[in-house]
Amino acid sequence: MPRPGDAVKQPLIVIFATVVLDAVGIGLVFPILPALLRDVTHADNVVSHIGIMTALYALMQFIFAPVLGSLSDRLGRRPVLLLSLAGATVNYLFLAFAPNLWMLLLGRAIAGLSSANISVATAYITDISPEDKRARRFGLFNAMFGIGFIVGPVLGGALGDHWLRLPFIAAAVLNACNLLLAFFVLPESRTPSREKIDLAALNPLRPLRWVFSVKGLLPITVIFFLFSATGEVYGTCWALWGNDSFRWNGLWIGLSLGTFGVCQTLAQMFLTGPAVSLLGERATILTGMAGACVALTVMAFATQGWMIFAIMPVFALGGLGAPALQSLATRQVDENQQGRFQGVLASVVSLASIICPLAFSSFYFLVRAQWPGAIWLAVIVAYAIMVPLVLGLRFAKPAVDPTM
């Protein structure tokens, strides 16, 4: 007989698998992208194409995360998730055989659209989780994303050595398996609204305007943007900084990033729940920020590469902030607006992915010759801006949309 709790565990497995696959889809293309673009464009300099594909993916997430979130409030979480998984499966097959640049760009845009289901996955977890379990489950949620980011580049690099298009076929197979699992196992988490879909509500900028109109939502939205901004700097500058500061080759850069990812994942899986139970959400966010700032200070002034590996356990504390913030965010709106609000937050994360790599890379090239480690002080400044915003958050009743 099924044990109590199985009805919740099975949907969580599907949701976590979806999150892992979203992250794998983002990461698996990075190791093969330069060679793939050179193959289809027959050009040696493909830096601009890489930038366009990266920005296009993030732009599509920015546009469609709130749209999918709003649709899931009206139609239910399950059909939106199933549709996005089916779209991802077909799209990865499309990418596997795309013969030219414009088709690769189209495929990457569709990949960004389908991965916008992260907002629906977040809303689903909120639906099935009581408040006292949300922080721990969001910790696992973030850990699954971290696992995907670790697995994605490794899978892409290993399979791409055999055939440049093979990683896309692997991603299609994995998404197809998750689609079947979701179809047979995933129940609906909420009663769909009987209201007609307002097409104007699908305007991707309308949810952002909604944030400004509802009291109390803007501060936490700004905090989400800044948290996402600090995360972007690692992918943008870590490899350059490692080479400039310690003459790290690709192996050591990969090992350092892998160690960072593993430590963050373990912290989010095993420390978030106990930390929130002991300290509360606000103090857990601040503790994570403090741990990250200590590690970033060491990185800014480090003279030997081993110092970076030594500081990783402290750096891992930075991983506690995001899931605690996500848990706190779910209490800012009522259950009928969770998909909409999670869509806005996912859209804000995507907006950071468009803007911040350019900003941080520009700053890095300004300080690179004199002091490469100064880039990490810029991240500390972003955390400092967040401190008064976090301290000012109020634990009031969930905000209600004045237009509803």
Protein backbone atom coordinates (compact mmCIF):
# COMPACT_ATOMS: atom_id res chain seq x y z
CA MET A 1 0.00 0.00 0.00
CA PRO A 2 1.21 3.54 -0.65
CA ARG A 3 2.64 5.18 2.43
CA PRO A 4 1.47 8.61 3.64
CA GLY A 5 3.42 11.29 1.86
CA ASP A 6 3.87 9.33 -1.38
CA ALA A 7 1.20 11.48 -3.03
CA VAL A 8 3.44 14.50 -2.43
CA LYS A 9 6.82 12.84 -3.06
CA GLN A 10 5.97 11.64 -6.58
CA PRO A 11 5.02 15.11 -7.91
CA LEU A 12 8.12 16.57 -6.25
CA ILE A 13 10.29 14.03 -8.10
CA VAL A 14 8.75 15.14 -11.41
CA ILE A 15 9.16 18.84 -10.58
CA PHE A 16 12.76 18.39 -9.47
CA ALA A 17 13.51 16.38 -12.61
CA THR A 18 12.06 19.24 -14.68
CA VAL A 19 14.31 21.74 -12.90
CA VAL A 20 17.40 19.56 -13.43
CA LEU A 21 16.60 19.24 -17.14
CA ASP A 22 16.08 23.00 -17.47
CA ALA A 23 19.53 23.59 -16.00
CA VAL A 24 21.08 20.80 -18.07
CA GLY A 25 19.59 22.39 -21.19
CA ILE A 26 21.18 25.73 -20.30
CA GLY A 27 24.58 24.24 -19.50
CA LEU A 28 25.07 21.47 -22.05
CA VAL A 29 25.35 23.89 -24.96
CA PHE A 30 28.23 25.94 -23.49
CA PRO A 31 31.10 23.48 -24.15
CA ILE A 32 30.00 22.81 -27.75
CA LEU A 33 28.68 26.24 -28.73
CA PRO A 34 31.91 27.74 -30.15
CA ALA A 35 32.66 24.66 -32.28
CA LEU A 36 29.02 24.32 -33.36
CA LEU A 37 28.83 27.96 -34.46
CA ARG A 38 32.11 27.70 -36.34
CA ASP A 39 30.73 24.62 -38.06
CA VAL A 40 27.54 26.30 -39.28
CA THR A 41 28.93 29.79 -39.99
CA HIS A 42 32.33 28.72 -41.36
CA ALA A 43 33.85 31.66 -39.44
CA ASP A 44 36.63 31.66 -36.84
CA ASN A 45 35.37 34.60 -34.77
CA VAL A 46 32.01 33.60 -33.31
CA VAL A 47 32.08 35.68 -30.11
CA SER A 48 29.22 37.92 -31.26
CA HIS A 49 27.10 34.90 -32.19
CA ILE A 50 27.65 33.38 -28.75
CA GLY A 51 26.51 36.63 -27.14
CA ILE A 52 23.40 36.75 -29.30
CA MET A 53 22.43 33.15 -28.50
CA THR A 54 22.97 33.67 -24.77
CA ALA A 55 20.96 36.88 -24.69
CA LEU A 56 18.21 35.40 -26.87
CA TYR A 57 17.72 32.46 -24.50
CA ALA A 58 17.48 34.80 -21.49
CA LEU A 59 15.21 37.22 -23.36
CA MET A 60 12.70 34.47 -24.15
CA GLN A 61 12.68 33.43 -20.50
CA PHE A 62 12.11 37.05 -19.52
CA ILE A 63 9.14 37.36 -21.87
CA PHE A 64 7.46 34.02 -21.29
CA ALA A 65 8.07 33.20 -17.61
CA PRO A 66 5.26 35.53 -16.44
CA VAL A 67 3.06 34.41 -19.34
CA LEU A 68 3.38 30.74 -18.44
CA GLY A 69 2.93 31.57 -14.76
CA SER A 70 -0.30 33.46 -15.45
CA LEU A 71 -1.57 30.70 -17.74
CA SER A 72 -0.92 28.12 -15.02
CA ASP A 73 -3.07 30.16 -12.59
CA ARG A 74 -5.96 29.99 -15.07
CA LEU A 75 -5.50 26.59 -16.76
CA GLY A 76 -3.72 24.67 -14.01
CA ARG A 77 -0.06 23.82 -13.51
CA ARG A 78 -0.15 20.35 -15.10
CA PRO A 79 -1.16 21.21 -18.68
CA VAL A 80 1.33 24.09 -18.88
CA LEU A 81 4.16 21.88 -17.60
CA LEU A 82 3.27 19.06 -19.99
CA LEU A 83 3.12 21.44 -22.94
CA SER A 84 6.50 22.97 -22.09
CA LEU A 85 8.14 19.55 -21.69
CA ALA A 86 6.75 18.42 -25.03
CA GLY A 87 8.00 21.63 -26.63
CA ALA A 88 11.47 21.14 -25.15
CA THR A 89 11.63 17.56 -26.47
CA VAL A 90 10.72 18.57 -30.02
CA ASN A 91 12.99 21.59 -29.91
CA TYR A 92 16.12 19.66 -28.89
CA LEU A 93 15.53 17.30 -31.81
CA PHE A 94 15.17 20.38 -34.02
CA LEU A 95 18.51 21.73 -32.73
CA ALA A 96 20.19 18.37 -33.32
CA PHE A 97 19.62 18.69 -37.06
CA ALA A 98 19.48 22.48 -37.62
CA PRO A 99 21.77 23.08 -40.61
CA ASN A 100 22.32 26.83 -40.42
CA LEU A 101 22.63 29.78 -38.03
CA TRP A 102 19.09 31.16 -38.21
CA MET A 103 17.64 27.75 -37.34
CA LEU A 104 20.04 27.45 -34.40
CA LEU A 105 18.92 30.88 -33.21
CA LEU A 106 15.27 29.89 -33.60
CA GLY A 107 15.87 26.66 -31.69
CA ARG A 108 17.66 28.44 -28.88
CA ALA A 109 14.80 30.94 -28.63
CA ILE A 110 12.28 28.10 -28.32
CA ALA A 111 14.52 26.47 -25.71
CA GLY A 112 14.36 29.68 -23.68
CA LEU A 113 10.57 29.73 -24.02
CA SER A 114 10.15 26.14 -22.84
CA SER A 115 12.57 26.58 -19.94
CA ALA A 116 10.40 29.49 -18.74
CA ASN A 117 8.35 26.70 -17.10
CA ILE A 118 10.57 27.28 -14.05
CA SER A 119 7.92 29.74 -12.83
CA VAL A 120 5.24 27.06 -13.08
CA ALA A 121 7.44 24.54 -11.25
CA THR A 122 7.98 27.06 -8.45
CA ALA A 123 4.26 27.75 -8.18
CA TYR A 124 3.57 23.98 -8.11
CA ILE A 125 5.89 23.52 -5.13
CA THR A 126 4.15 26.41 -3.38
CA ASP A 127 0.76 24.77 -4.02
CA ILE A 128 1.68 21.43 -2.41
CA SER A 129 3.94 22.69 0.40
CA PRO A 130 2.82 24.02 3.78
CA GLU A 131 4.69 27.14 4.85
CA ASP A 132 6.91 25.29 7.33
CA LYS A 133 8.27 23.03 4.55
CA ARG A 134 8.67 25.53 1.74
CA ALA A 135 12.18 26.71 2.63
CA ARG A 136 13.53 23.17 2.70
CA ARG A 137 11.83 22.25 -0.58
CA PHE A 138 13.04 25.42 -2.25
CA GLY A 139 16.50 24.50 -0.99
CA LEU A 140 16.15 21.17 -2.80
CA PHE A 141 14.73 23.04 -5.80
CA ASN A 142 17.85 25.23 -6.01
CA ALA A 143 20.07 22.21 -5.38
CA MET A 144 18.49 20.42 -8.34
CA PHE A 145 19.19 23.45 -10.48
CA GLY A 146 22.79 23.36 -9.27
CA ILE A 147 23.08 19.68 -10.12
CA GLY A 148 21.81 20.42 -13.62
CA PHE A 149 24.44 23.12 -14.05
CA ILE A 150 27.15 20.68 -12.96
CA VAL A 151 25.89 17.84 -15.17
CA GLY A 152 25.03 19.97 -18.23
CA PRO A 153 28.51 21.17 -19.21
CA VAL A 154 30.07 17.78 -18.42
CA LEU A 155 27.45 15.96 -20.50
CA GLY A 156 27.71 18.48 -23.33
CA GLY A 157 31.49 18.31 -23.43
CA ALA A 158 31.72 14.52 -23.24
CA LEU A 159 29.04 13.82 -25.86
CA GLY A 160 30.15 16.71 -28.06
CA ASP A 161 33.57 15.09 -28.45
CA HIS A 162 31.84 12.26 -30.34
CA TRP A 163 29.43 14.43 -32.35
CA LEU A 164 28.59 18.11 -31.94
CA ARG A 165 24.83 17.46 -32.15
CA LEU A 166 24.75 14.47 -29.79
CA PRO A 167 24.15 16.56 -26.61
CA PHE A 168 20.90 17.84 -28.13
CA ILE A 169 19.69 14.31 -28.83
CA ALA A 170 20.51 13.33 -25.25
CA ALA A 171 18.56 16.32 -23.96
CA ALA A 172 15.59 15.38 -26.16
CA VAL A 173 15.58 11.83 -24.79
CA LEU A 174 15.79 13.05 -21.18
CA ASN A 175 12.94 15.53 -21.69
CA ALA A 176 10.83 12.87 -23.40
CA CYS A 177 11.29 10.55 -20.41
CA ASN A 178 10.32 13.33 -18.02
CA LEU A 179 7.29 14.14 -20.17
CA LEU A 180 6.09 10.54 -19.89
CA LEU A 181 6.75 10.53 -16.15
CA ALA A 182 4.82 13.78 -15.70
CA PHE A 183 1.93 12.57 -17.87
CA PHE A 184 1.39 9.42 -15.79
CA VAL A 185 2.43 10.62 -12.32
CA LEU A 186 1.93 14.38 -11.98
CA PRO A 187 -1.50 15.40 -10.63
CA GLU A 188 -2.93 18.89 -10.85
CA SER A 189 -1.95 20.92 -7.78
CA ARG A 190 -4.75 23.49 -7.84
CA THR A 191 -8.26 23.98 -9.15
CA PRO A 192 -8.03 25.88 -12.45
CA SER A 193 -9.84 29.21 -12.56
CA ARG A 194 -13.13 29.27 -14.45
CA GLU A 195 -12.55 32.82 -15.56
CA LYS A 196 -11.90 33.46 -19.23
CA ILE A 197 -8.30 34.12 -20.12
CA ASP A 198 -7.72 37.83 -20.52
CA LEU A 199 -5.37 38.09 -23.50
CA ALA A 200 -4.15 41.45 -22.22
CA ALA A 201 -2.95 39.66 -19.08
CA LEU A 202 -0.49 37.70 -21.23
CA ASN A 203 1.41 40.87 -22.02
CA PRO A 204 4.85 40.07 -20.49
CA LEU A 205 5.25 43.64 -19.22
CA ARG A 206 1.87 43.75 -17.50
CA PRO A 207 2.96 41.54 -14.55
CA LEU A 208 5.92 43.87 -14.01
CA ARG A 209 3.54 46.84 -13.87
CA TRP A 210 1.44 44.82 -11.44
CA VAL A 211 4.43 44.60 -9.08
CA PHE A 212 4.56 48.39 -8.92
CA SER A 213 0.83 48.61 -8.22
CA VAL A 214 0.69 46.10 -5.34
CA LYS A 215 2.07 47.36 -2.06
CA GLY A 216 4.98 45.34 -0.68
CA LEU A 217 5.98 43.44 -3.82
CA LEU A 218 8.58 45.83 -5.24
CA PRO A 219 11.24 45.43 -2.51
CA ILE A 220 11.34 41.64 -2.71
CA THR A 221 11.34 41.80 -6.51
CA VAL A 222 14.37 44.13 -6.40
CA ILE A 223 16.09 41.72 -3.98
CA PHE A 224 15.47 38.87 -6.43
CA PHE A 225 17.03 40.92 -9.22
CA LEU A 226 20.12 41.70 -7.14
CA PHE A 227 20.48 38.08 -6.01
CA SER A 228 20.33 36.99 -9.63
CA ALA A 229 22.83 39.70 -10.58
CA THR A 230 25.38 38.37 -8.09
CA GLY A 231 24.95 34.88 -9.54
CA GLU A 232 25.66 36.07 -13.08
CA VAL A 233 29.16 37.29 -12.27
CA TYR A 234 30.50 33.78 -11.66
CA GLY A 235 29.63 32.47 -15.09
CA THR A 236 30.81 35.70 -16.71
CA CYS A 237 34.12 36.39 -14.96
CA TRP A 238 35.27 33.29 -13.04
CA ALA A 239 37.23 31.70 -15.88
CA LEU A 240 38.89 34.99 -16.86
CA TRP A 241 39.75 35.82 -13.26
CA GLY A 242 41.15 32.33 -12.57
CA ASN A 243 43.43 32.55 -15.56
CA ASP A 244 44.51 36.14 -14.90
CA SER A 245 45.09 35.68 -11.16
CA PHE A 246 46.49 32.15 -10.88
CA ARG A 247 47.21 31.12 -14.49
CA TRP A 248 44.61 28.37 -14.14
CA ASN A 249 44.07 26.24 -17.23
CA GLY A 250 40.73 24.79 -18.28
CA LEU A 251 41.06 21.83 -15.91
CA TRP A 252 41.58 23.99 -12.82
CA ILE A 253 38.84 26.40 -13.82
CA GLY A 254 36.49 23.44 -14.25
CA LEU A 255 37.54 21.93 -10.91
CA SER A 256 37.04 25.20 -9.07
CA LEU A 257 33.60 25.80 -10.62
CA GLY A 258 32.66 22.17 -9.97
CA THR A 259 33.72 22.45 -6.32
CA PHE A 260 31.73 25.66 -6.01
CA GLY A 261 28.66 23.99 -7.52
CA VAL A 262 28.92 20.87 -5.35
CA CYS A 263 29.35 22.86 -2.12
CA GLN A 264 26.41 25.13 -2.97
CA THR A 265 24.22 22.16 -3.84
CA LEU A 266 25.03 20.30 -0.61
CA ALA A 267 24.35 23.42 1.46
CA GLN A 268 20.99 23.99 -0.21
CA MET A 269 19.99 20.36 0.19
CA PHE A 270 20.95 19.85 3.82
CA LEU A 271 21.32 23.22 5.55
CA THR A 272 18.47 25.41 4.28
CA GLY A 273 15.65 23.68 6.17
CA PRO A 274 17.46 23.54 9.56
CA ALA A 275 18.74 27.10 9.12
CA VAL A 276 15.24 28.51 8.50
CA SER A 277 13.81 26.49 11.40
CA LEU A 278 16.51 27.83 13.72
CA LEU A 279 16.97 31.39 12.47
CA GLY A 280 13.89 32.21 10.41
CA GLU A 281 13.85 33.24 6.76
CA ARG A 282 15.16 36.81 7.13
CA ALA A 283 18.15 35.82 9.28
CA THR A 284 18.92 32.88 6.97
CA ILE A 285 19.04 35.24 3.98
CA LEU A 286 21.40 37.57 5.86
CA THR A 287 23.56 34.65 7.02
CA GLY A 288 23.92 33.45 3.44
CA MET A 289 24.87 36.94 2.30
CA ALA A 290 27.44 37.26 5.10
CA GLY A 291 29.05 33.91 4.19
CA ALA A 292 29.25 34.92 0.54
CA CYS A 293 30.80 38.30 1.40
CA VAL A 294 33.50 36.71 3.58
CA ALA A 295 34.40 34.33 0.75
CA LEU A 296 34.33 37.09 -1.86
CA THR A 297 36.67 39.22 0.26
CA VAL A 298 39.16 36.35 0.42
CA MET A 299 38.85 35.86 -3.35
CA ALA A 300 39.46 39.56 -4.01
CA PHE A 301 42.79 39.53 -2.11
CA ALA A 302 43.87 35.89 -2.70
CA THR A 303 47.41 35.39 -3.97
CA GLN A 304 47.36 31.57 -4.26
CA GLY A 305 44.84 29.30 -5.96
CA TRP A 306 44.55 26.93 -2.99
CA MET A 307 42.94 29.74 -0.97
CA ILE A 308 39.89 29.59 -3.24
CA PHE A 309 39.35 25.90 -2.58
CA ALA A 310 39.88 26.43 1.16
CA ILE A 311 37.15 29.07 1.32
CA MET A 312 34.54 27.00 -0.53
CA PRO A 313 32.73 25.68 2.61
CA VAL A 314 32.15 29.28 3.73
CA PHE A 315 31.16 30.25 0.20
CA ALA A 316 28.56 27.46 0.30
CA LEU A 317 26.66 29.40 2.98
CA GLY A 318 25.78 31.88 0.25
CA GLY A 319 23.54 29.19 -1.20
CA LEU A 320 21.19 29.46 1.79
CA GLY A 321 19.90 32.88 0.82
CA ALA A 322 18.03 32.13 -2.40
CA PRO A 323 15.74 29.30 -1.16
CA ALA A 324 14.94 31.21 2.04
CA LEU A 325 14.08 34.24 -0.10
CA GLN A 326 11.88 32.11 -2.35
CA SER A 327 10.04 30.76 0.68
CA LEU A 328 9.51 34.25 2.02
CA ALA A 329 8.33 35.46 -1.38
CA THR A 330 5.51 32.89 -1.50
CA ARG A 331 3.92 34.62 1.49
CA GLN A 332 3.72 37.98 -0.26
CA VAL A 333 0.69 37.05 -2.42
CA ASP A 334 -2.31 34.77 -2.01
CA GLU A 335 -2.56 31.31 -3.57
CA ASN A 336 -4.55 32.52 -6.59
CA GLN A 337 -1.66 34.73 -7.69
CA GLN A 338 1.28 32.40 -7.04
CA GLY A 339 1.81 31.48 -10.68
CA ARG A 340 1.64 35.10 -11.73
CA PHE A 341 4.09 36.27 -9.05
CA GLN A 342 6.51 33.38 -9.59
CA GLY A 343 6.40 34.20 -13.28
CA VAL A 344 7.38 37.79 -12.49
CA LEU A 345 10.27 36.62 -10.31
CA ALA A 346 11.47 34.19 -12.99
CA SER A 347 11.23 37.02 -15.50
CA VAL A 348 13.31 39.25 -13.24
CA VAL A 349 15.95 36.52 -13.01
CA SER A 350 16.02 36.35 -16.81
CA LEU A 351 16.30 40.15 -17.02
CA ALA A 352 19.37 39.93 -14.80
CA SER A 353 20.75 37.28 -17.17
CA ILE A 354 20.44 39.74 -20.05
CA ILE A 355 21.82 42.88 -18.38
CA CYS A 356 24.33 41.76 -15.77
CA PRO A 357 26.84 39.70 -17.82
CA LEU A 358 27.47 42.78 -19.97
CA ALA A 359 27.77 45.05 -16.92
CA PHE A 360 30.11 42.77 -14.96
CA SER A 361 32.27 41.90 -17.96
CA SER A 362 32.65 45.63 -18.76
CA PHE A 363 33.71 46.35 -15.18
CA TYR A 364 36.11 43.41 -15.19
CA PHE A 365 37.92 44.67 -18.26
CA LEU A 366 38.31 48.05 -16.56
CA VAL A 367 40.08 46.53 -13.53
CA ARG A 368 41.66 43.49 -15.16
CA ALA A 369 45.15 44.89 -15.69
CA GLN A 370 45.52 46.46 -12.23
CA TRP A 371 43.50 44.15 -9.94
CA PRO A 372 41.39 41.28 -11.34
CA GLY A 373 40.05 40.45 -7.88
CA ALA A 374 38.26 43.80 -7.69
CA ILE A 375 35.36 42.20 -9.55
CA TRP A 376 34.40 40.37 -6.35
CA LEU A 377 34.21 43.66 -4.43
CA ALA A 378 31.56 44.75 -6.94
CA VAL A 379 29.51 41.71 -5.92
CA ILE A 380 29.91 42.67 -2.24
CA VAL A 381 28.50 46.12 -3.10
CA ALA A 382 25.42 44.42 -4.59
CA TYR A 383 24.97 42.43 -1.36
CA ALA A 384 25.36 45.62 0.69
CA ILE A 385 22.52 47.24 -1.25
CA MET A 386 20.33 44.24 -0.41
CA VAL A 387 20.85 44.39 3.38
CA PRO A 388 18.48 47.31 4.14
CA LEU A 389 15.93 45.90 1.68
CA VAL A 390 15.96 42.53 3.48
CA LEU A 391 15.76 44.19 6.89
CA GLY A 392 12.83 46.29 5.66
CA LEU A 393 10.72 43.35 4.46
CA ARG A 394 7.43 43.06 6.28
CA PHE A 395 5.69 39.79 7.10
CA ALA A 396 2.22 41.10 6.41
CA LYS A 397 -0.81 39.35 5.00
CA PRO A 398 -0.40 38.34 1.36
CA ALA A 399 -0.82 41.22 -1.06
CA VAL A 400 -4.00 41.27 -3.10
CA ASP A 401 -4.19 42.53 -6.64
CA PRO A 402 -6.25 45.74 -6.54
CA THR A 403 -7.66 44.98 -9.99
CA MET A 404 -9.16 41.65 -8.94
